[in-house]
Amino acid sequence: MIIFHRLLDIFKTEIDINHLENEIITVKCEISNPFKNIKTFKQQNFPMLNGKETTIECIFRGHKGQASTSFPATFNGTLKEILYLDICSNSYDRAIFIAVLNCITSYLHHIPNTIHCQGNSPNLCAYKFKEFISKNFSNKNIALIGYHKEIITSLSSSHSLRVLDLDSELINKNIDGTTIEDGISNFSQVMEWADVILCTGSTLSNGTIVNFLNLDIPIFFYGTTISGIAYYFNLPRLCFESKN
């Protein structure tokens, strides 16, 4: 995929000109729970907690980068070795690369908001999504790419909303009056219907981001996974409660 070749070229340039080739980097994986301090949280509402997605994290000189992925992986080696990962066809390698790219981009360019929000912040973030859409796209059709319970709940009561996802266990489920649709078979129909798209950054991890880069309607990516590529490709990103 051209986009991943471009990212590899960008990454190589960054580590070359900053003389980071031989620096050791570690990527760790754990089933992280951003809501661990909220006793009333229902785990089935958030993909990262029910085994559908895992967050892997890279730390370098006090900076962090994350990637949400269905293919958790770990890595320990030099930044130069990252260049030899098969990020075009291997989902494990791609997840590692994204976490490292986000971390190094944070370190070199100090991009903000690369760490997933915690506690009650996802609910606050969803409320801010509603405020943003109401202010800028009132009475428009909103397509949400990627199941996100809080955003669905926030938008479904006041906006025309359709949701696409690839998880067969979620498809056809009704969430606060909105039915989750098949991200493959319903893709074209929803794209023709939508006036605005809110797209999860996890599309970068699973490779489907290529379907959303050349659309003729406004699109906003959300989440920490997309932070690095959003910086380099100047992609609109909404992540209201993520941390530095």
C-alpha atoms as a PDB file:
ATOM      1  CA  MET A   1       0.000   0.000   0.000  1.00  0.00           C
ATOM      2  CA  ILE A   2       1.410   3.353  -1.048  1.00  0.00           C
ATOM      3  CA  ILE A   3       0.508   5.055   2.216  1.00  0.00           C
ATOM      4  CA  PHE A   4       2.629   2.636   4.257  1.00  0.00           C
ATOM      5  CA  HIS A   5       5.588   2.958   1.914  1.00  0.00           C
ATOM      6  CA  ARG A   6       5.351   6.717   2.372  1.00  0.00           C
ATOM      7  CA  LEU A   7       5.250   6.329   6.142  1.00  0.00           C
ATOM      8  CA  LEU A   8       8.336   4.121   6.076  1.00  0.00           C
ATOM      9  CA  ASP A   9      10.171   6.746   4.011  1.00  0.00           C
ATOM     10  CA  ILE A  10       9.145   9.470   6.456  1.00  0.00           C
ATOM     11  CA  PHE A  11      10.214   7.378   9.424  1.00  0.00           C
ATOM     12  CA  LYS A  12      13.596   6.562   7.844  1.00  0.00           C
ATOM     13  CA  THR A  13      14.242  10.241   7.158  1.00  0.00           C
ATOM     14  CA  GLU A  14      13.344  11.192  10.713  1.00  0.00           C
ATOM     15  CA  ILE A  15      15.625   8.690  12.413  1.00  0.00           C
ATOM     16  CA  ASP A  16      18.454   9.366   9.937  1.00  0.00           C
ATOM     17  CA  ILE A  17      18.574  13.130  10.293  1.00  0.00           C
ATOM     18  CA  ASN A  18      18.208  12.876  14.069  1.00  0.00           C
ATOM     19  CA  HIS A  19      20.808  10.097  14.382  1.00  0.00           C
ATOM     20  CA  LEU A  20      18.452   7.713  16.140  1.00  0.00           C
ATOM     21  CA  GLU A  21      19.129   4.586  14.059  1.00  0.00           C
ATOM     22  CA  ASN A  22      20.820   2.652  16.838  1.00  0.00           C
ATOM     23  CA  GLU A  23      18.561   3.727  19.679  1.00  0.00           C
ATOM     24  CA  ILE A  24      16.810   0.824  21.392  1.00  0.00           C
ATOM     25  CA  ILE A  25      13.035   0.922  21.421  1.00  0.00           C
ATOM     26  CA  THR A  26      10.563  -1.283  23.283  1.00  0.00           C
ATOM     27  CA  VAL A  27       6.917  -1.866  22.495  1.00  0.00           C
ATOM     28  CA  LYS A  28       4.820  -3.464  25.202  1.00  0.00           C
ATOM     29  CA  CYS A  29       1.381  -4.955  25.013  1.00  0.00           C
ATOM     30  CA  GLU A  30      -1.189  -5.268  27.725  1.00  0.00           C
ATOM     31  CA  ILE A  31      -4.938  -5.395  27.858  1.00  0.00           C
ATOM     32  CA  SER A  32      -5.205  -1.889  29.214  1.00  0.00           C
ATOM     33  CA  ASN A  33      -8.343  -0.583  30.874  1.00  0.00           C
ATOM     34  CA  PRO A  34      -8.713   3.195  30.630  1.00  0.00           C
ATOM     35  CA  PHE A  35     -11.774   2.951  32.875  1.00  0.00           C
ATOM     36  CA  LYS A  36     -10.150   0.986  35.709  1.00  0.00           C
ATOM     37  CA  ASN A  37     -11.077   3.651  38.267  1.00  0.00           C
ATOM     38  CA  ILE A  38     -14.755   3.669  37.315  1.00  0.00           C
ATOM     39  CA  LYS A  39     -16.506   0.857  39.204  1.00  0.00           C
ATOM     40  CA  THR A  40     -19.795   1.233  37.342  1.00  0.00           C
ATOM     41  CA  PHE A  41     -18.288   0.922  33.869  1.00  0.00           C
ATOM     42  CA  LYS A  42     -19.781  -1.868  31.734  1.00  0.00           C
ATOM     43  CA  GLN A  43     -16.938  -3.612  29.935  1.00  0.00           C
ATOM     44  CA  GLN A  44     -18.952  -4.737  26.932  1.00  0.00           C
ATOM     45  CA  ASN A  45     -19.286  -1.112  25.846  1.00  0.00           C
ATOM     46  CA  PHE A  46     -15.662  -0.652  24.869  1.00  0.00           C
ATOM     47  CA  PRO A  47     -13.889  -2.899  22.297  1.00  0.00           C
ATOM     48  CA  MET A  48     -10.496  -2.623  23.982  1.00  0.00           C
ATOM     49  CA  LEU A  49     -11.836  -4.357  27.093  1.00  0.00           C
ATOM     50  CA  ASN A  50     -13.639  -7.326  25.575  1.00  0.00           C
ATOM     51  CA  GLY A  51     -10.762  -8.759  23.594  1.00  0.00           C
ATOM     52  CA  LYS A  52     -11.596  -7.114  20.277  1.00  0.00           C
ATOM     53  CA  GLU A  53      -8.799  -4.584  20.446  1.00  0.00           C
ATOM     54  CA  THR A  54      -5.672  -4.181  22.514  1.00  0.00           C
ATOM     55  CA  THR A  55      -3.507  -1.136  23.006  1.00  0.00           C
ATOM     56  CA  ILE A  56       0.211  -1.522  22.520  1.00  0.00           C
ATOM     57  CA  GLU A  57       2.502   1.230  23.737  1.00  0.00           C
ATOM     58  CA  CYS A  58       5.991   2.483  22.947  1.00  0.00           C
ATOM     59  CA  ILE A  59       7.965   4.722  25.310  1.00  0.00           C
ATOM     60  CA  PHE A  60      11.072   6.663  24.283  1.00  0.00           C
ATOM     61  CA  ARG A  61      12.786   9.364  26.320  1.00  0.00           C
ATOM     62  CA  GLY A  62       9.645  10.207  28.236  1.00  0.00           C
ATOM     63  CA  HIS A  63       7.352  10.228  25.197  1.00  0.00           C
ATOM     64  CA  LYS A  64       4.672   7.660  24.449  1.00  0.00           C
ATOM     65  CA  GLY A  65       2.988   6.361  21.334  1.00  0.00           C
ATOM     66  CA  GLN A  66       0.083   3.947  21.140  1.00  0.00           C
ATOM     67  CA  ALA A  67      -1.717   1.793  18.612  1.00  0.00           C
ATOM     68  CA  SER A  68      -5.088   0.117  19.025  1.00  0.00           C
ATOM     69  CA  THR A  69      -5.059  -3.193  17.212  1.00  0.00           C
ATOM     70  CA  SER A  70      -6.715  -6.585  17.019  1.00  0.00           C
ATOM     71  CA  PHE A  71      -3.241  -8.056  16.532  1.00  0.00           C
ATOM     72  CA  PRO A  72      -1.267  -7.329  19.719  1.00  0.00           C
ATOM     73  CA  ALA A  73       2.516  -7.595  19.475  1.00  0.00           C
ATOM     74  CA  THR A  74       5.713  -6.701  21.306  1.00  0.00           C
ATOM     75  CA  PHE A  75       9.106  -5.537  20.092  1.00  0.00           C
ATOM     76  CA  ASN A  76      12.567  -4.836  21.441  1.00  0.00           C
ATOM     77  CA  GLY A  77      15.292  -3.643  19.101  1.00  0.00           C
ATOM     78  CA  THR A  78      16.779  -0.655  17.323  1.00  0.00           C
ATOM     79  CA  LEU A  79      14.814   1.980  15.481  1.00  0.00           C
ATOM     80  CA  LYS A  80      16.644   0.935  12.321  1.00  0.00           C
ATOM     81  CA  GLU A  81      15.144  -2.540  12.661  1.00  0.00           C
ATOM     82  CA  ILE A  82      11.671  -1.003  12.564  1.00  0.00           C
ATOM     83  CA  LEU A  83      12.332  -0.173   8.901  1.00  0.00           C
ATOM     84  CA  TYR A  84      12.381  -3.884   8.053  1.00  0.00           C
ATOM     85  CA  LEU A  85       8.946  -4.653   9.415  1.00  0.00           C
ATOM     86  CA  ASP A  86       6.372  -5.795   6.877  1.00  0.00           C
ATOM     87  CA  ILE A  87       3.801  -3.121   7.554  1.00  0.00           C
ATOM     88  CA  CYS A  88       2.017  -3.506   4.223  1.00  0.00           C
ATOM     89  CA  SER A  89       0.777  -7.071   4.695  1.00  0.00           C
ATOM     90  CA  ASN A  90       1.531  -8.083   8.289  1.00  0.00           C
ATOM     91  CA  SER A  91      -0.896  -6.671  10.850  1.00  0.00           C
ATOM     92  CA  TYR A  92       1.371  -7.483  13.810  1.00  0.00           C
ATOM     93  CA  ASP A  93       4.281  -5.577  12.259  1.00  0.00           C
ATOM     94  CA  ARG A  94       2.006  -2.698  11.300  1.00  0.00           C
ATOM     95  CA  ALA A  95       0.755  -2.268  14.871  1.00  0.00           C
ATOM     96  CA  ILE A  96       4.337  -2.123  16.183  1.00  0.00           C
ATOM     97  CA  PHE A  97       5.313   0.404  13.543  1.00  0.00           C
ATOM     98  CA  ILE A  98       2.349   2.673  14.294  1.00  0.00           C
ATOM     99  CA  ALA A  99       3.079   2.727  18.036  1.00  0.00           C
ATOM    100  CA  VAL A 100       6.750   3.511  17.384  1.00  0.00           C
ATOM    101  CA  LEU A 101       5.934   6.140  14.749  1.00  0.00           C
ATOM    102  CA  ASN A 102       3.562   7.887  17.154  1.00  0.00           C
ATOM    103  CA  CYS A 103       6.139   7.789  19.937  1.00  0.00           C
ATOM    104  CA  ILE A 104       9.009   9.145  17.829  1.00  0.00           C
ATOM    105  CA  THR A 105       6.760  11.799  16.291  1.00  0.00           C
ATOM    106  CA  SER A 106       5.798  12.878  19.799  1.00  0.00           C
ATOM    107  CA  TYR A 107       9.468  13.002  20.793  1.00  0.00           C
ATOM    108  CA  LEU A 108      10.698  14.909  17.732  1.00  0.00           C
ATOM    109  CA  HIS A 109       7.786  17.246  17.097  1.00  0.00           C
ATOM    110  CA  HIS A 110       6.064  17.182  20.491  1.00  0.00           C
ATOM    111  CA  ILE A 111       2.681  16.467  18.998  1.00  0.00           C
ATOM    112  CA  PRO A 112       0.036  16.553  21.744  1.00  0.00           C
ATOM    113  CA  ASN A 113      -2.550  14.034  22.811  1.00  0.00           C
ATOM    114  CA  THR A 114      -0.905  10.691  22.030  1.00  0.00           C
ATOM    115  CA  ILE A 115      -2.140   8.882  25.158  1.00  0.00           C
ATOM    116  CA  HIS A 116      -5.626   7.400  25.478  1.00  0.00           C
ATOM    117  CA  CYS A 117      -7.986   9.166  27.852  1.00  0.00           C
ATOM    118  CA  GLN A 118      -8.949   7.576  31.155  1.00  0.00           C
ATOM    119  CA  GLY A 119     -11.628   7.622  33.806  1.00  0.00           C
ATOM    120  CA  ASN A 120     -14.773   9.499  32.794  1.00  0.00           C
ATOM    121  CA  SER A 121     -12.959  11.255  29.965  1.00  0.00           C
ATOM    122  CA  PRO A 122     -14.442   9.103  27.148  1.00  0.00           C
ATOM    123  CA  ASN A 123     -17.910  10.301  28.117  1.00  0.00           C
ATOM    124  CA  LEU A 124     -16.721  13.908  28.188  1.00  0.00           C
ATOM    125  CA  CYS A 125     -14.994  13.396  24.849  1.00  0.00           C
ATOM    126  CA  ALA A 126     -18.227  12.050  23.357  1.00  0.00           C
ATOM    127  CA  TYR A 127     -20.089  15.117  24.625  1.00  0.00           C
ATOM    128  CA  LYS A 128     -17.497  17.333  22.934  1.00  0.00           C
ATOM    129  CA  PHE A 129     -17.999  15.382  19.704  1.00  0.00           C
ATOM    130  CA  LYS A 130     -21.674  16.264  19.924  1.00  0.00           C
ATOM    131  CA  GLU A 131     -20.858  19.924  20.523  1.00  0.00           C
ATOM    132  CA  PHE A 132     -18.466  19.955  17.571  1.00  0.00           C
ATOM    133  CA  ILE A 133     -20.944  18.326  15.192  1.00  0.00           C
ATOM    134  CA  SER A 134     -23.843  20.517  16.370  1.00  0.00           C
ATOM    135  CA  LYS A 135     -21.800  23.678  15.865  1.00  0.00           C
ATOM    136  CA  ASN A 136     -20.291  22.823  12.492  1.00  0.00           C
ATOM    137  CA  PHE A 137     -22.601  20.284  10.836  1.00  0.00           C
ATOM    138  CA  SER A 138     -26.086  20.831  12.148  1.00  0.00           C
ATOM    139  CA  ASN A 139     -28.783  18.795  10.359  1.00  0.00           C
ATOM    140  CA  LYS A 140     -26.179  16.748   8.450  1.00  0.00           C
ATOM    141  CA  ASN A 141     -25.942  12.985   8.026  1.00  0.00           C
ATOM    142  CA  ILE A 142     -23.114  11.635  10.198  1.00  0.00           C
ATOM    143  CA  ALA A 143     -21.303   8.359   9.485  1.00  0.00           C
ATOM    144  CA  LEU A 144     -19.309   6.913  12.363  1.00  0.00           C
ATOM    145  CA  ILE A 145     -16.649   4.455  11.250  1.00  0.00           C
ATOM    146  CA  GLY A 146     -15.824   2.124  14.114  1.00  0.00           C
ATOM    147  CA  TYR A 147     -18.004   1.179  17.057  1.00  0.00           C
ATOM    148  CA  HIS A 148     -17.693   3.645  19.921  1.00  0.00           C
ATOM    149  CA  LYS A 149     -20.502   3.343  22.447  1.00  0.00           C
ATOM    150  CA  GLU A 150     -20.050   6.758  24.039  1.00  0.00           C
ATOM    151  CA  ILE A 151     -20.038   8.634  20.724  1.00  0.00           C
ATOM    152  CA  ILE A 152     -23.048   6.671  19.477  1.00  0.00           C
ATOM    153  CA  THR A 153     -24.975   7.480  22.634  1.00  0.00           C
ATOM    154  CA  SER A 154     -24.021  11.136  22.443  1.00  0.00           C
ATOM    155  CA  LEU A 155     -24.893  11.654  18.770  1.00  0.00           C
ATOM    156  CA  SER A 156     -27.825   9.313  18.192  1.00  0.00           C
ATOM    157  CA  SER A 157     -30.343  11.363  20.141  1.00  0.00           C
ATOM    158  CA  SER A 158     -29.825  14.569  18.180  1.00  0.00           C
ATOM    159  CA  HIS A 159     -28.277  13.703  14.801  1.00  0.00           C
ATOM    160  CA  SER A 160     -28.923  11.480  11.832  1.00  0.00           C
ATOM    161  CA  LEU A 161     -26.335   8.770  12.464  1.00  0.00           C
ATOM    162  CA  ARG A 162     -25.180   5.540  10.814  1.00  0.00           C
ATOM    163  CA  VAL A 163     -22.391   3.356  12.162  1.00  0.00           C
ATOM    164  CA  LEU A 164     -20.123   0.937  10.298  1.00  0.00           C
ATOM    165  CA  ASP A 165     -17.991  -1.746  11.912  1.00  0.00           C
ATOM    166  CA  LEU A 166     -16.159  -4.919  10.878  1.00  0.00           C
ATOM    167  CA  ASP A 167     -16.871  -6.923  14.038  1.00  0.00           C
ATOM    168  CA  SER A 168     -19.400  -9.636  13.173  1.00  0.00           C
ATOM    169  CA  GLU A 169     -20.564  -9.757  16.801  1.00  0.00           C
ATOM    170  CA  LEU A 170     -21.568  -6.097  16.686  1.00  0.00           C
ATOM    171  CA  ILE A 171     -23.155  -5.943  13.231  1.00  0.00           C
ATOM    172  CA  ASN A 172     -26.977  -5.658  13.383  1.00  0.00           C
ATOM    173  CA  LYS A 173     -26.941  -4.793  17.074  1.00  0.00           C
ATOM    174  CA  ASN A 174     -29.046  -1.796  18.077  1.00  0.00           C
ATOM    175  CA  ILE A 175     -27.240   0.746  20.238  1.00  0.00           C
ATOM    176  CA  ASP A 176     -29.435   3.563  21.547  1.00  0.00           C
ATOM    177  CA  GLY A 177     -31.622   3.399  18.469  1.00  0.00           C
ATOM    178  CA  THR A 178     -28.773   3.068  15.964  1.00  0.00           C
ATOM    179  CA  THR A 179     -28.112  -0.244  14.216  1.00  0.00           C
ATOM    180  CA  ILE A 180     -24.487  -1.194  13.642  1.00  0.00           C
ATOM    181  CA  GLU A 181     -24.003  -1.922   9.937  1.00  0.00           C
ATOM    182  CA  ASP A 182     -21.524  -4.093   8.067  1.00  0.00           C
ATOM    183  CA  GLY A 183     -18.442  -2.061   7.218  1.00  0.00           C
ATOM    184  CA  ILE A 184     -17.949  -4.009   3.989  1.00  0.00           C
ATOM    185  CA  SER A 185     -21.361  -4.704   2.471  1.00  0.00           C
ATOM    186  CA  ASN A 186     -22.874  -1.370   3.565  1.00  0.00           C
ATOM    187  CA  PHE A 187     -19.806   0.771   2.923  1.00  0.00           C
ATOM    188  CA  SER A 188     -20.760   2.300  -0.446  1.00  0.00           C
ATOM    189  CA  GLN A 189     -24.335   2.984   0.605  1.00  0.00           C
ATOM    190  CA  VAL A 190     -23.314   4.763   3.795  1.00  0.00           C
ATOM    191  CA  MET A 191     -20.617   6.789   2.005  1.00  0.00           C
ATOM    192  CA  GLU A 192     -23.204   8.039  -0.496  1.00  0.00           C
ATOM    193  CA  TRP A 193     -25.605   8.908   2.333  1.00  0.00           C
ATOM    194  CA  ALA A 194     -23.128  10.662   4.646  1.00  0.00           C
ATOM    195  CA  ASP A 195     -22.399  14.385   4.749  1.00  0.00           C
ATOM    196  CA  VAL A 196     -19.666  14.022   7.377  1.00  0.00           C
ATOM    197  CA  ILE A 197     -17.507  11.098   8.486  1.00  0.00           C
ATOM    198  CA  LEU A 198     -16.036  10.435  11.919  1.00  0.00           C
ATOM    199  CA  CYS A 199     -13.455   7.719  11.390  1.00  0.00           C
ATOM    200  CA  THR A 200     -11.544   5.741  14.003  1.00  0.00           C
ATOM    201  CA  GLY A 201      -7.784   5.844  13.744  1.00  0.00           C
ATOM    202  CA  SER A 202      -7.820   2.064  14.093  1.00  0.00           C
ATOM    203  CA  THR A 203      -8.465   1.979  10.346  1.00  0.00           C
ATOM    204  CA  LEU A 204      -4.736   2.643  10.083  1.00  0.00           C
ATOM    205  CA  SER A 205      -3.994  -0.540  12.019  1.00  0.00           C
ATOM    206  CA  ASN A 206      -6.269  -2.753   9.941  1.00  0.00           C
ATOM    207  CA  GLY A 207      -5.307  -1.115   6.648  1.00  0.00           C
ATOM    208  CA  THR A 208      -8.778   0.126   5.711  1.00  0.00           C
ATOM    209  CA  ILE A 209      -7.713   3.753   6.077  1.00  0.00           C
ATOM    210  CA  VAL A 210      -7.028   3.754   2.318  1.00  0.00           C
ATOM    211  CA  ASN A 211     -10.805   3.780   1.807  1.00  0.00           C
ATOM    212  CA  PHE A 212     -11.138   7.120   3.589  1.00  0.00           C
ATOM    213  CA  LEU A 213      -8.293   9.260   2.249  1.00  0.00           C
ATOM    214  CA  ASN A 214      -9.769  10.495  -1.023  1.00  0.00           C
ATOM    215  CA  LEU A 215     -13.402  11.160  -0.246  1.00  0.00           C
ATOM    216  CA  ASP A 216     -15.164  14.337  -1.318  1.00  0.00           C
ATOM    217  CA  ILE A 217     -16.886  14.951   2.001  1.00  0.00           C
ATOM    218  CA  PRO A 218     -15.485  16.210   5.324  1.00  0.00           C
ATOM    219  CA  ILE A 219     -13.788  13.510   7.370  1.00  0.00           C
ATOM    220  CA  PHE A 220     -12.358  13.673  10.870  1.00  0.00           C
ATOM    221  CA  PHE A 221     -10.218  10.923  12.363  1.00  0.00           C
ATOM    222  CA  TYR A 222     -10.312  10.246  16.085  1.00  0.00           C
ATOM    223  CA  GLY A 223      -8.164   8.398  18.601  1.00  0.00           C
ATOM    224  CA  THR A 224      -4.487   8.144  19.538  1.00  0.00           C
ATOM    225  CA  THR A 225      -3.571   5.551  16.895  1.00  0.00           C
ATOM    226  CA  ILE A 226      -3.828   8.149  14.137  1.00  0.00           C
ATOM    227  CA  SER A 227      -1.749  10.842  15.877  1.00  0.00           C
ATOM    228  CA  GLY A 228       1.512  10.415  13.934  1.00  0.00           C
ATOM    229  CA  ILE A 229       0.093  10.071  10.439  1.00  0.00           C
ATOM    230  CA  ALA A 230      -2.321  12.934  11.147  1.00  0.00           C
ATOM    231  CA  TYR A 231       0.731  15.122  11.787  1.00  0.00           C
ATOM    232  CA  TYR A 232       2.640  14.078   8.674  1.00  0.00           C
ATOM    233  CA  PHE A 233      -0.313  13.942   6.281  1.00  0.00           C
ATOM    234  CA  ASN A 234      -2.198  16.895   7.776  1.00  0.00           C
ATOM    235  CA  LEU A 235      -5.308  14.836   8.468  1.00  0.00           C
ATOM    236  CA  PRO A 236      -8.066  16.436  10.576  1.00  0.00           C
ATOM    237  CA  ARG A 237      -8.039  14.741  13.976  1.00  0.00           C
ATOM    238  CA  LEU A 238     -10.469  14.991  16.880  1.00  0.00           C
ATOM    239  CA  CYS A 239      -9.303  13.618  20.210  1.00  0.00           C
ATOM    240  CA  PHE A 240     -10.661  15.948  22.830  1.00  0.00           C
ATOM    241  CA  GLU A 241      -9.644  14.184  26.046  1.00  0.00           C
ATOM    242  CA  SER A 242      -6.475  12.257  25.157  1.00  0.00           C
ATOM    243  CA  LYS A 243      -3.347  13.098  27.109  1.00  0.00           C
ATOM    244  CA  ASN A 244       0.214  14.186  26.367  1.00  0.00           C
END
